PDB file of all heavy atoms in Angstrom:
ATOM      1  N   ARG A   1     -16.601  59.022 -40.345  1.00  0.00           N
ATOM      2  CA  ARG A   1     -17.170  57.777 -40.884  1.00  0.00           C
ATOM      3  C   ARG A   1     -17.885  57.053 -39.740  1.00  0.00           C
ATOM      4  O   ARG A   1     -17.281  56.788 -38.697  1.00  0.00           O
ATOM      5  CB  ARG A   1     -16.038  56.924 -41.451  1.00  0.00           C
ATOM      6  CG  ARG A   1     -16.445  55.632 -42.109  1.00  0.00           C
ATOM      7  CD  ARG A   1     -15.226  54.838 -42.562  1.00  0.00           C
ATOM      8  NE  ARG A   1     -14.470  55.560 -43.581  1.00  0.00           N
ATOM      9  CZ  ARG A   1     -13.305  56.171 -43.377  1.00  0.00           C
ATOM     10  NH1 ARG A   1     -12.763  56.156 -42.152  1.00  0.00           N
ATOM     11  NH2 ARG A   1     -12.679  56.802 -44.350  1.00  0.00           N
ATOM     12  N   VAL A   2     -19.142  56.729 -39.916  1.00  0.00           N
ATOM     13  CA  VAL A   2     -19.901  56.018 -38.893  1.00  0.00           C
ATOM     14  C   VAL A   2     -20.219  54.615 -39.404  1.00  0.00           C
ATOM     15  O   VAL A   2     -20.849  54.449 -40.448  1.00  0.00           O
ATOM     16  CB  VAL A   2     -21.206  56.761 -38.533  1.00  0.00           C
ATOM     17  CG1 VAL A   2     -21.988  55.969 -37.489  1.00  0.00           C
ATOM     18  CG2 VAL A   2     -20.892  58.156 -38.000  1.00  0.00           C
ATOM     19  N   LEU A   3     -19.755  53.613 -38.671  1.00  0.00           N
ATOM     20  CA  LEU A   3     -19.981  52.217 -39.030  1.00  0.00           C
ATOM     21  C   LEU A   3     -21.045  51.640 -38.104  1.00  0.00           C
ATOM     22  O   LEU A   3     -20.828  51.525 -36.898  1.00  0.00           O
ATOM     23  CB  LEU A   3     -18.683  51.415 -38.891  1.00  0.00           C
ATOM     24  CG  LEU A   3     -17.498  51.899 -39.726  1.00  0.00           C
ATOM     25  CD1 LEU A   3     -16.274  51.020 -39.446  1.00  0.00           C
ATOM     26  CD2 LEU A   3     -17.819  51.889 -41.212  1.00  0.00           C
ATOM     27  N   PRO A   4     -22.209  51.280 -38.643  1.00  0.00           N
ATOM     28  CA  PRO A   4     -23.233  50.667 -37.790  1.00  0.00           C
ATOM     29  C   PRO A   4     -22.864  49.228 -37.456  1.00  0.00           C
ATOM     30  O   PRO A   4     -22.458  48.459 -38.327  1.00  0.00           O
ATOM     31  CB  PRO A   4     -24.490  50.735 -38.654  1.00  0.00           C
ATOM     32  CG  PRO A   4     -23.984  50.739 -40.062  1.00  0.00           C
ATOM     33  CD  PRO A   4     -22.654  51.425 -40.034  1.00  0.00           C
ATOM     34  N   ILE A   5     -22.982  48.869 -36.200  1.00  0.00           N
ATOM     35  CA  ILE A   5     -22.805  47.481 -35.776  1.00  0.00           C
ATOM     36  C   ILE A   5     -24.183  46.824 -35.807  1.00  0.00           C
ATOM     37  O   ILE A   5     -25.129  47.321 -35.206  1.00  0.00           O
ATOM     38  CB  ILE A   5     -22.208  47.397 -34.360  1.00  0.00           C
ATOM     39  CG1 ILE A   5     -20.873  48.164 -34.314  1.00  0.00           C
ATOM     40  CG2 ILE A   5     -22.007  45.943 -33.946  1.00  0.00           C
ATOM     41  CD1 ILE A   5     -19.810  47.665 -35.248  1.00  0.00           C
ATOM     42  N   GLY A   6     -24.304  45.722 -36.541  1.00  0.00           N
ATOM     43  CA  GLY A   6     -25.595  45.072 -36.699  1.00  0.00           C
ATOM     44  C   GLY A   6     -26.007  44.295 -35.458  1.00  0.00           C
ATOM     45  O   GLY A   6     -25.175  43.844 -34.668  1.00  0.00           O
ATOM     46  N   ALA A   7     -27.306  44.145 -35.272  1.00  0.00           N
ATOM     47  CA  ALA A   7     -27.831  43.372 -34.144  1.00  0.00           C
ATOM     48  C   ALA A   7     -27.671  41.880 -34.411  1.00  0.00           C
ATOM     49  O   ALA A   7     -27.840  41.409 -35.538  1.00  0.00           O
ATOM     50  CB  ALA A   7     -29.300  43.706 -33.926  1.00  0.00           C
ATOM     51  N   MET A   8     -27.359  41.127 -33.373  1.00  0.00           N
ATOM     52  CA  MET A   8     -27.263  39.666 -33.495  1.00  0.00           C
ATOM     53  C   MET A   8     -28.641  39.031 -33.602  1.00  0.00           C
ATOM     54  O   MET A   8     -28.824  38.036 -34.310  1.00  0.00           O
ATOM     55  CB  MET A   8     -26.509  39.078 -32.296  1.00  0.00           C
ATOM     56  CG  MET A   8     -25.035  39.405 -32.246  1.00  0.00           C
ATOM     57  SD  MET A   8     -24.254  38.857 -30.699  1.00  0.00           S
ATOM     58  CE  MET A   8     -24.345  37.072 -30.862  1.00  0.00           C
ATOM     59  N   THR A   9     -29.601  39.594 -32.865  1.00  0.00           N
ATOM     60  CA  THR A   9     -30.951  39.044 -32.875  1.00  0.00           C
ATOM     61  C   THR A   9     -31.952  40.153 -33.184  1.00  0.00           C
ATOM     62  O   THR A   9     -31.697  41.330 -32.927  1.00  0.00           O
ATOM     63  CB  THR A   9     -31.315  38.400 -31.520  1.00  0.00           C
ATOM     64  OG1 THR A   9     -31.285  39.394 -30.489  1.00  0.00           O
ATOM     65  CG2 THR A   9     -30.354  37.266 -31.175  1.00  0.00           C
ATOM     66  N   GLN A  10     -33.072  39.764 -33.734  1.00  0.00           N
ATOM     67  CA  GLN A  10     -34.089  40.732 -34.128  1.00  0.00           C
ATOM     68  C   GLN A  10     -34.607  41.501 -32.917  1.00  0.00           C
ATOM     69  O   GLN A  10     -34.991  40.911 -31.904  1.00  0.00           O
ATOM     70  CB  GLN A  10     -35.234  40.016 -34.838  1.00  0.00           C
ATOM     71  CG  GLN A  10     -34.825  39.411 -36.174  1.00  0.00           C
ATOM     72  CD  GLN A  10     -35.957  38.660 -36.847  1.00  0.00           C
ATOM     73  OE1 GLN A  10     -37.124  38.815 -36.495  1.00  0.00           O
ATOM     74  NE2 GLN A  10     -35.617  37.836 -37.837  1.00  0.00           N
ATOM     75  N   GLY A  11     -34.573  42.836 -33.058  1.00  0.00           N
ATOM     76  CA  GLY A  11     -35.020  43.682 -31.969  1.00  0.00           C
ATOM     77  C   GLY A  11     -34.167  43.599 -30.728  1.00  0.00           C
ATOM     78  O   GLY A  11     -34.558  44.099 -29.675  1.00  0.00           O
ATOM     79  N   LEU A  12     -32.998  42.965 -30.823  1.00  0.00           N
ATOM     80  CA  LEU A  12     -32.119  42.720 -29.671  1.00  0.00           C
ATOM     81  C   LEU A  12     -32.842  41.948 -28.574  1.00  0.00           C
ATOM     82  O   LEU A  12     -32.500  42.043 -27.400  1.00  0.00           O
ATOM     83  CB  LEU A  12     -31.562  44.042 -29.105  1.00  0.00           C
ATOM     84  CG  LEU A  12     -30.631  44.837 -30.026  1.00  0.00           C
ATOM     85  CD1 LEU A  12     -30.263  46.170 -29.379  1.00  0.00           C
ATOM     86  CD2 LEU A  12     -29.372  44.053 -30.359  1.00  0.00           C
ATOM     87  N   GLU A  13     -33.830  41.145 -28.970  1.00  0.00           N
ATOM     88  CA  GLU A  13     -34.629  40.421 -27.994  1.00  0.00           C
ATOM     89  C   GLU A  13     -34.024  39.075 -27.604  1.00  0.00           C
ATOM     90  O   GLU A  13     -34.540  38.394 -26.718  1.00  0.00           O
ATOM     91  CB  GLU A  13     -36.045  40.234 -28.533  1.00  0.00           C
ATOM     92  CG  GLU A  13     -36.792  41.558 -28.682  1.00  0.00           C
ATOM     93  CD  GLU A  13     -38.162  41.390 -29.299  1.00  0.00           C
ATOM     94  OE1 GLU A  13     -38.499  40.245 -29.703  1.00  0.00           O
ATOM     95  OE2 GLU A  13     -38.901  42.385 -29.386  1.00  0.00           O
ATOM     96  N   GLY A  14     -32.933  38.675 -28.271  1.00  0.00           N
ATOM     97  CA  GLY A  14     -32.229  37.459 -27.879  1.00  0.00           C
ATOM     98  C   GLY A  14     -32.899  36.168 -28.291  1.00  0.00           C
ATOM     99  O   GLY A  14     -32.596  35.115 -27.724  1.00  0.00           O
ATOM    100  N   MET A  15     -33.749  36.235 -29.299  1.00  0.00           N
ATOM    101  CA  MET A  15     -34.497  35.035 -29.669  1.00  0.00           C
ATOM    102  C   MET A  15     -34.246  34.597 -31.120  1.00  0.00           C
ATOM    103  O   MET A  15     -33.840  33.471 -31.366  1.00  0.00           O
ATOM    104  CB  MET A  15     -36.000  35.276 -29.444  1.00  0.00           C
ATOM    105  CG  MET A  15     -36.349  35.551 -27.981  1.00  0.00           C
ATOM    106  SD  MET A  15     -38.069  36.015 -27.746  1.00  0.00           S
ATOM    107  CE  MET A  15     -38.899  34.511 -28.268  1.00  0.00           C
ATOM    108  N   THR A  16     -34.458  35.484 -32.080  1.00  0.00           N
ATOM    109  CA  THR A  16     -34.363  35.132 -33.496  1.00  0.00           C
ATOM    110  C   THR A  16     -33.166  35.823 -34.122  1.00  0.00           C
ATOM    111  O   THR A  16     -33.034  37.056 -34.038  1.00  0.00           O
ATOM    112  CB  THR A  16     -35.638  35.540 -34.245  1.00  0.00           C
ATOM    113  OG1 THR A  16     -36.768  34.960 -33.593  1.00  0.00           O
ATOM    114  CG2 THR A  16     -35.592  35.063 -35.688  1.00  0.00           C
ATOM    115  N   ILE A  17     -32.294  35.051 -34.754  1.00  0.00           N
ATOM    116  CA  ILE A  17     -31.069  35.590 -35.347  1.00  0.00           C
ATOM    117  C   ILE A  17     -31.409  36.470 -36.550  1.00  0.00           C
ATOM    118  O   ILE A  17     -32.321  36.169 -37.325  1.00  0.00           O
ATOM    119  CB  ILE A  17     -30.132  34.436 -35.761  1.00  0.00           C
ATOM    120  CG1 ILE A  17     -29.706  33.632 -34.525  1.00  0.00           C
ATOM    121  CG2 ILE A  17     -28.900  34.970 -36.479  1.00  0.00           C
ATOM    122  CD1 ILE A  17     -29.003  32.347 -34.853  1.00  0.00           C
ATOM    123  N   THR A  18     -30.685  37.562 -36.696  1.00  0.00           N
ATOM    124  CA  THR A  18     -30.902  38.481 -37.816  1.00  0.00           C
ATOM    125  C   THR A  18     -30.310  37.924 -39.113  1.00  0.00           C
ATOM    126  O   THR A  18     -29.564  36.943 -39.106  1.00  0.00           O
ATOM    127  CB  THR A  18     -30.250  39.842 -37.537  1.00  0.00           C
ATOM    128  OG1 THR A  18     -28.858  39.631 -37.234  1.00  0.00           O
ATOM    129  CG2 THR A  18     -30.928  40.552 -36.389  1.00  0.00           C
ATOM    130  N   GLU A  19     -30.640  38.594 -40.223  1.00  0.00           N
ATOM    131  CA  GLU A  19     -30.054  38.254 -41.526  1.00  0.00           C
ATOM    132  C   GLU A  19     -28.681  38.910 -41.619  1.00  0.00           C
ATOM    133  O   GLU A  19     -28.518  40.001 -42.160  1.00  0.00           O
ATOM    134  CB  GLU A  19     -30.967  38.731 -42.653  1.00  0.00           C
ATOM    135  CG  GLU A  19     -32.284  37.985 -42.733  1.00  0.00           C
ATOM    136  CD  GLU A  19     -32.093  36.521 -43.145  1.00  0.00           C
ATOM    137  OE1 GLU A  19     -31.059  36.183 -43.739  1.00  0.00           O
ATOM    138  OE2 GLU A  19     -32.988  35.713 -42.852  1.00  0.00           O
ATOM    139  N   MET A  20     -27.683  38.217 -41.074  1.00  0.00           N
ATOM    140  CA  MET A  20     -26.365  38.821 -40.937  1.00  0.00           C
ATOM    141  C   MET A  20     -25.691  39.076 -42.279  1.00  0.00           C
ATOM    142  O   MET A  20     -24.938  40.045 -42.425  1.00  0.00           O
ATOM    143  CB  MET A  20     -25.487  37.945 -40.050  1.00  0.00           C
ATOM    144  CG  MET A  20     -25.974  37.860 -38.615  1.00  0.00           C
ATOM    145  SD  MET A  20     -24.853  36.877 -37.589  1.00  0.00           S
ATOM    146  CE  MET A  20     -25.809  36.763 -36.068  1.00  0.00           C
ATOM    147  N   ALA A  21     -25.943  38.246 -43.263  1.00  0.00           N
ATOM    148  CA  ALA A  21     -25.346  38.469 -44.579  1.00  0.00           C
ATOM    149  C   ALA A  21     -25.814  39.799 -45.148  1.00  0.00           C
ATOM    150  O   ALA A  21     -25.025  40.569 -45.723  1.00  0.00           O
ATOM    151  CB  ALA A  21     -25.703  37.319 -45.524  1.00  0.00           C
ATOM    152  N   ALA A  22     -27.103  40.087 -44.998  1.00  0.00           N
ATOM    153  CA  ALA A  22     -27.647  41.343 -45.500  1.00  0.00           C
ATOM    154  C   ALA A  22     -27.095  42.530 -44.717  1.00  0.00           C
ATOM    155  O   ALA A  22     -26.829  43.599 -45.280  1.00  0.00           O
ATOM    156  CB  ALA A  22     -29.169  41.318 -45.423  1.00  0.00           C
ATOM    157  N   LEU A  23     -26.910  42.367 -43.408  1.00  0.00           N
ATOM    158  CA  LEU A  23     -26.334  43.437 -42.603  1.00  0.00           C
ATOM    159  C   LEU A  23     -24.901  43.725 -43.014  1.00  0.00           C
ATOM    160  O   LEU A  23     -24.487  44.891 -43.100  1.00  0.00           O
ATOM    161  CB  LEU A  23     -26.403  43.069 -41.114  1.00  0.00           C
ATOM    162  CG  LEU A  23     -27.799  43.083 -40.479  1.00  0.00           C
ATOM    163  CD1 LEU A  23     -27.745  42.489 -39.078  1.00  0.00           C
ATOM    164  CD2 LEU A  23     -28.373  44.503 -40.434  1.00  0.00           C
ATOM    165  N   LYS A  24     -24.146  42.676 -43.290  1.00  0.00           N
ATOM    166  CA  LYS A  24     -22.765  42.877 -43.734  1.00  0.00           C
ATOM    167  C   LYS A  24     -22.746  43.614 -45.064  1.00  0.00           C
ATOM    168  O   LYS A  24     -21.950  44.543 -45.274  1.00  0.00           O
ATOM    169  CB  LYS A  24     -22.036  41.540 -43.850  1.00  0.00           C
ATOM    170  CG  LYS A  24     -20.582  41.693 -44.287  1.00  0.00           C
ATOM    171  CD  LYS A  24     -19.842  40.380 -44.316  1.00  0.00           C
ATOM    172  CE  LYS A  24     -18.382  40.591 -44.720  1.00  0.00           C
ATOM    173  NZ  LYS A  24     -17.608  39.330 -44.743  1.00  0.00           N
ATOM    174  N   GLN A  25     -23.616  43.231 -45.971  1.00  0.00           N
ATOM    175  CA  GLN A  25     -23.673  43.878 -47.278  1.00  0.00           C
ATOM    176  C   GLN A  25     -24.070  45.350 -47.136  1.00  0.00           C
ATOM    177  O   GLN A  25     -23.671  46.187 -47.937  1.00  0.00           O
ATOM    178  CB  GLN A  25     -24.660  43.147 -48.182  1.00  0.00           C
ATOM    179  CG  GLN A  25     -24.584  43.573 -49.634  1.00  0.00           C
ATOM    180  CD  GLN A  25     -25.385  42.649 -50.533  1.00  0.00           C
ATOM    181  OE1 GLN A  25     -26.079  41.754 -50.065  1.00  0.00           O
ATOM    182  NE2 GLN A  25     -25.289  42.863 -51.832  1.00  0.00           N
ATOM    183  N   ALA A  26     -24.836  45.664 -46.093  1.00  0.00           N
ATOM    184  CA  ALA A  26     -25.261  47.040 -45.850  1.00  0.00           C
ATOM    185  C   ALA A  26     -24.204  47.862 -45.121  1.00  0.00           C
ATOM    186  O   ALA A  26     -24.445  49.032 -44.796  1.00  0.00           O
ATOM    187  CB  ALA A  26     -26.555  47.051 -45.051  1.00  0.00           C
ATOM    188  N   GLY A  27     -23.043  47.262 -44.843  1.00  0.00           N
ATOM    189  CA  GLY A  27     -21.941  48.024 -44.269  1.00  0.00           C
ATOM    190  C   GLY A  27     -21.658  47.786 -42.809  1.00  0.00           C
ATOM    191  O   GLY A  27     -20.896  48.537 -42.196  1.00  0.00           O
ATOM    192  N   CYS A  28     -22.248  46.746 -42.221  1.00  0.00           N
ATOM    193  CA  CYS A  28     -21.971  46.428 -40.815  1.00  0.00           C
ATOM    194  C   CYS A  28     -20.732  45.527 -40.727  1.00  0.00           C
ATOM    195  O   CYS A  28     -20.756  44.408 -41.240  1.00  0.00           O
ATOM    196  CB  CYS A  28     -23.163  45.719 -40.174  1.00  0.00           C
ATOM    197  SG  CYS A  28     -24.675  46.692 -40.114  1.00  0.00           S
ATOM    198  N   PRO A  29     -19.647  45.959 -40.089  1.00  0.00           N
ATOM    199  CA  PRO A  29     -18.441  45.134 -40.007  1.00  0.00           C
ATOM    200  C   PRO A  29     -18.477  44.106 -38.890  1.00  0.00           C
ATOM    201  O   PRO A  29     -17.607  43.261 -38.792  1.00  0.00           O
ATOM    202  CB  PRO A  29     -17.337  46.158 -39.744  1.00  0.00           C
ATOM    203  CG  PRO A  29     -18.043  47.227 -38.956  1.00  0.00           C
ATOM    204  CD  PRO A  29     -19.448  47.287 -39.489  1.00  0.00           C
ATOM    205  N   ALA A  30     -19.497  44.196 -38.013  1.00  0.00           N
ATOM    206  CA  ALA A  30     -19.592  43.292 -36.867  1.00  0.00           C
ATOM    207  C   ALA A  30     -21.046  43.246 -36.417  1.00  0.00           C
ATOM    208  O   ALA A  30     -21.878  44.052 -36.849  1.00  0.00           O
ATOM    209  CB  ALA A  30     -18.696  43.776 -35.728  1.00  0.00           C
ATOM    210  N   VAL A  31     -21.339  42.283 -35.549  1.00  0.00           N
ATOM    211  CA  VAL A  31     -22.675  42.185 -34.953  1.00  0.00           C
ATOM    212  C   VAL A  31     -22.530  42.176 -33.434  1.00  0.00           C
ATOM    213  O   VAL A  31     -21.490  41.812 -32.896  1.00  0.00           O
ATOM    214  CB  VAL A  31     -23.436  40.936 -35.437  1.00  0.00           C
ATOM    215  CG1 VAL A  31     -23.787  41.059 -36.910  1.00  0.00           C
ATOM    216  CG2 VAL A  31     -22.653  39.660 -35.156  1.00  0.00           C
ATOM    217  N   SER A  32     -23.617  42.563 -32.766  1.00  0.00           N
ATOM    218  CA  SER A  32     -23.552  42.725 -31.317  1.00  0.00           C
ATOM    219  C   SER A  32     -24.959  42.713 -30.744  1.00  0.00           C
ATOM    220  O   SER A  32     -25.941  42.893 -31.468  1.00  0.00           O
ATOM    221  CB  SER A  32     -22.865  44.057 -30.982  1.00  0.00           C
ATOM    222  OG  SER A  32     -23.003  44.405 -29.630  1.00  0.00           O
ATOM    223  N   GLN A  33     -25.042  42.516 -29.448  1.00  0.00           N
ATOM    224  CA  GLN A  33     -26.297  42.694 -28.717  1.00  0.00           C
ATOM    225  C   GLN A  33     -26.288  43.997 -27.918  1.00  0.00           C
ATOM    226  O   GLN A  33     -27.186  44.224 -27.107  1.00  0.00           O
ATOM    227  CB  GLN A  33     -26.526  41.518 -27.759  1.00  0.00           C
ATOM    228  CG  GLN A  33     -27.100  40.282 -28.405  1.00  0.00           C
ATOM    229  CD  GLN A  33     -28.533  40.462 -28.868  1.00  0.00           C
ATOM    230  OE1 GLN A  33     -28.801  40.544 -30.074  1.00  0.00           O
ATOM    231  NE2 GLN A  33     -29.468  40.524 -27.925  1.00  0.00           N
ATOM    232  N   ALA A  34     -25.266  44.833 -28.132  1.00  0.00           N
ATOM    233  CA  ALA A  34     -25.087  46.040 -27.321  1.00  0.00           C
ATOM    234  C   ALA A  34     -25.088  45.612 -25.845  1.00  0.00           C
ATOM    235  O   ALA A  34     -24.292  44.755 -25.470  1.00  0.00           O
ATOM    236  CB  ALA A  34     -26.149  47.083 -27.635  1.00  0.00           C
ATOM    237  N   ASN A  35     -25.976  46.167 -25.045  1.00  0.00           N
ATOM    238  CA  ASN A  35     -26.039  45.789 -23.629  1.00  0.00           C
ATOM    239  C   ASN A  35     -27.185  44.839 -23.327  1.00  0.00           C
ATOM    240  O   ASN A  35     -27.513  44.624 -22.155  1.00  0.00           O
ATOM    241  CB  ASN A  35     -26.183  47.044 -22.757  1.00  0.00           C
ATOM    242  CG  ASN A  35     -24.935  47.909 -22.774  1.00  0.00           C
ATOM    243  OD1 ASN A  35     -23.933  47.545 -23.357  1.00  0.00           O
ATOM    244  ND2 ASN A  35     -25.007  49.067 -22.148  1.00  0.00           N
ATOM    245  N   ARG A  36     -27.795  44.280 -24.343  1.00  0.00           N
ATOM    246  CA  ARG A  36     -28.938  43.379 -24.157  1.00  0.00           C
ATOM    247  C   ARG A  36     -28.459  41.926 -24.155  1.00  0.00           C
ATOM    248  O   ARG A  36     -27.652  41.542 -25.000  1.00  0.00           O
ATOM    249  CB  ARG A  36     -29.967  43.580 -25.269  1.00  0.00           C
ATOM    250  CG  ARG A  36     -30.269  45.036 -25.591  1.00  0.00           C
ATOM    251  CD  ARG A  36     -31.328  45.629 -24.721  1.00  0.00           C
ATOM    252  NE  ARG A  36     -31.609  47.009 -25.130  1.00  0.00           N
ATOM    253  CZ  ARG A  36     -32.465  47.350 -26.079  1.00  0.00           C
ATOM    254  NH1 ARG A  36     -33.138  46.394 -26.718  1.00  0.00           N
ATOM    255  NH2 ARG A  36     -32.658  48.615 -26.381  1.00  0.00           N
ATOM    256  N   PRO A  37     -28.951  41.103 -23.262  1.00  0.00           N
ATOM    257  CA  PRO A  37     -28.442  39.724 -23.168  1.00  0.00           C
ATOM    258  C   PRO A  37     -29.127  38.769 -24.140  1.00  0.00           C
ATOM    259  O   PRO A  37     -30.240  39.023 -24.620  1.00  0.00           O
ATOM    260  CB  PRO A  37     -28.793  39.346 -21.725  1.00  0.00           C
ATOM    261  CG  PRO A  37     -30.052  40.115 -21.445  1.00  0.00           C
ATOM    262  CD  PRO A  37     -29.893  41.427 -22.165  1.00  0.00           C
ATOM    263  N   ILE A  38     -28.427  37.687 -24.454  1.00  0.00           N
ATOM    264  CA  ILE A  38     -29.045  36.498 -25.047  1.00  0.00           C
ATOM    265  C   ILE A  38     -29.031  35.449 -23.939  1.00  0.00           C
ATOM    266  O   ILE A  38     -27.983  34.908 -23.597  1.00  0.00           O
ATOM    267  CB  ILE A  38     -28.276  35.988 -26.280  1.00  0.00           C
ATOM    268  CG1 ILE A  38     -28.309  37.035 -27.396  1.00  0.00           C
ATOM    269  CG2 ILE A  38     -28.869  34.673 -26.781  1.00  0.00           C
ATOM    270  CD1 ILE A  38     -27.537  36.607 -28.643  1.00  0.00           C
ATOM    271  N   HIS A  39     -30.172  35.182 -23.350  1.00  0.00           N
ATOM    272  CA  HIS A  39     -30.219  34.253 -22.223  1.00  0.00           C
ATOM    273  C   HIS A  39     -29.965  32.812 -22.663  1.00  0.00           C
ATOM    274  O   HIS A  39     -29.378  32.021 -21.926  1.00  0.00           O
ATOM    275  CB  HIS A  39     -31.572  34.350 -21.507  1.00  0.00           C
ATOM    276  CG  HIS A  39     -31.717  35.594 -20.688  1.00  0.00           C
ATOM    277  ND1 HIS A  39     -31.129  35.754 -19.448  1.00  0.00           N
ATOM    278  CD2 HIS A  39     -32.373  36.761 -20.936  1.00  0.00           C
ATOM    279  CE1 HIS A  39     -31.415  36.943 -18.967  1.00  0.00           C
ATOM    280  NE2 HIS A  39     -32.177  37.580 -19.844  1.00  0.00           N
ATOM    281  N   SER A  40     -30.392  32.471 -23.871  1.00  0.00           N
ATOM    282  CA  SER A  40     -30.250  31.095 -24.347  1.00  0.00           C
ATOM    283  C   SER A  40     -28.843  30.848 -24.876  1.00  0.00           C
ATOM    284  O   SER A  40     -28.393  31.501 -25.822  1.00  0.00           O
ATOM    285  CB  SER A  40     -31.265  30.817 -25.451  1.00  0.00           C
ATOM    286  OG  SER A  40     -30.966  29.600 -26.115  1.00  0.00           O
ATOM    287  N   THR A  41     -28.140  29.912 -24.272  1.00  0.00           N
ATOM    288  CA  THR A  41     -26.804  29.547 -24.755  1.00  0.00           C
ATOM    289  C   THR A  41     -26.879  28.960 -26.160  1.00  0.00           C
ATOM    290  O   THR A  41     -25.972  29.151 -26.977  1.00  0.00           O
ATOM    291  CB  THR A  41     -26.144  28.543 -23.788  1.00  0.00           C
ATOM    292  OG1 THR A  41     -26.125  29.101 -22.475  1.00  0.00           O
ATOM    293  CG2 THR A  41     -24.716  28.231 -24.212  1.00  0.00           C
ATOM    294  N   GLN A  42     -27.956  28.265 -26.457  1.00  0.00           N
ATOM    295  CA  GLN A  42     -28.105  27.687 -27.786  1.00  0.00           C
ATOM    296  C   GLN A  42     -28.259  28.781 -28.847  1.00  0.00           C
ATOM    297  O   GLN A  42     -27.635  28.702 -29.932  1.00  0.00           O
ATOM    298  CB  GLN A  42     -29.323  26.751 -27.821  1.00  0.00           C
ATOM    299  CG  GLN A  42     -29.484  25.955 -29.116  1.00  0.00           C
ATOM    300  CD  GLN A  42     -28.393  24.926 -29.306  1.00  0.00           C
ATOM    301  OE1 GLN A  42     -27.294  25.251 -29.752  1.00  0.00           O
ATOM    302  NE2 GLN A  42     -28.681  23.679 -28.963  1.00  0.00           N
ATOM    303  N   VAL A  43     -29.065  29.797 -28.568  1.00  0.00           N
ATOM    304  CA  VAL A  43     -29.202  30.907 -29.517  1.00  0.00           C
ATOM    305  C   VAL A  43     -27.867  31.626 -29.675  1.00  0.00           C
ATOM    306  O   VAL A  43     -27.472  31.995 -30.792  1.00  0.00           O
ATOM    307  CB  VAL A  43     -30.296  31.888 -29.048  1.00  0.00           C
ATOM    308  CG1 VAL A  43     -30.314  33.142 -29.927  1.00  0.00           C
ATOM    309  CG2 VAL A  43     -31.663  31.219 -29.072  1.00  0.00           C
TER     310      VAL A  43
END
């Protein structure tokens, strides 16, 4: 069983938040940036 972890931001670019509700509905149990940073504390 392979569970995809959804991206927190579009393209993992750390700027625009993804549609997390849709990712959850598509089978993502969590979200992550993998090894890519979000530089903005506000984002």
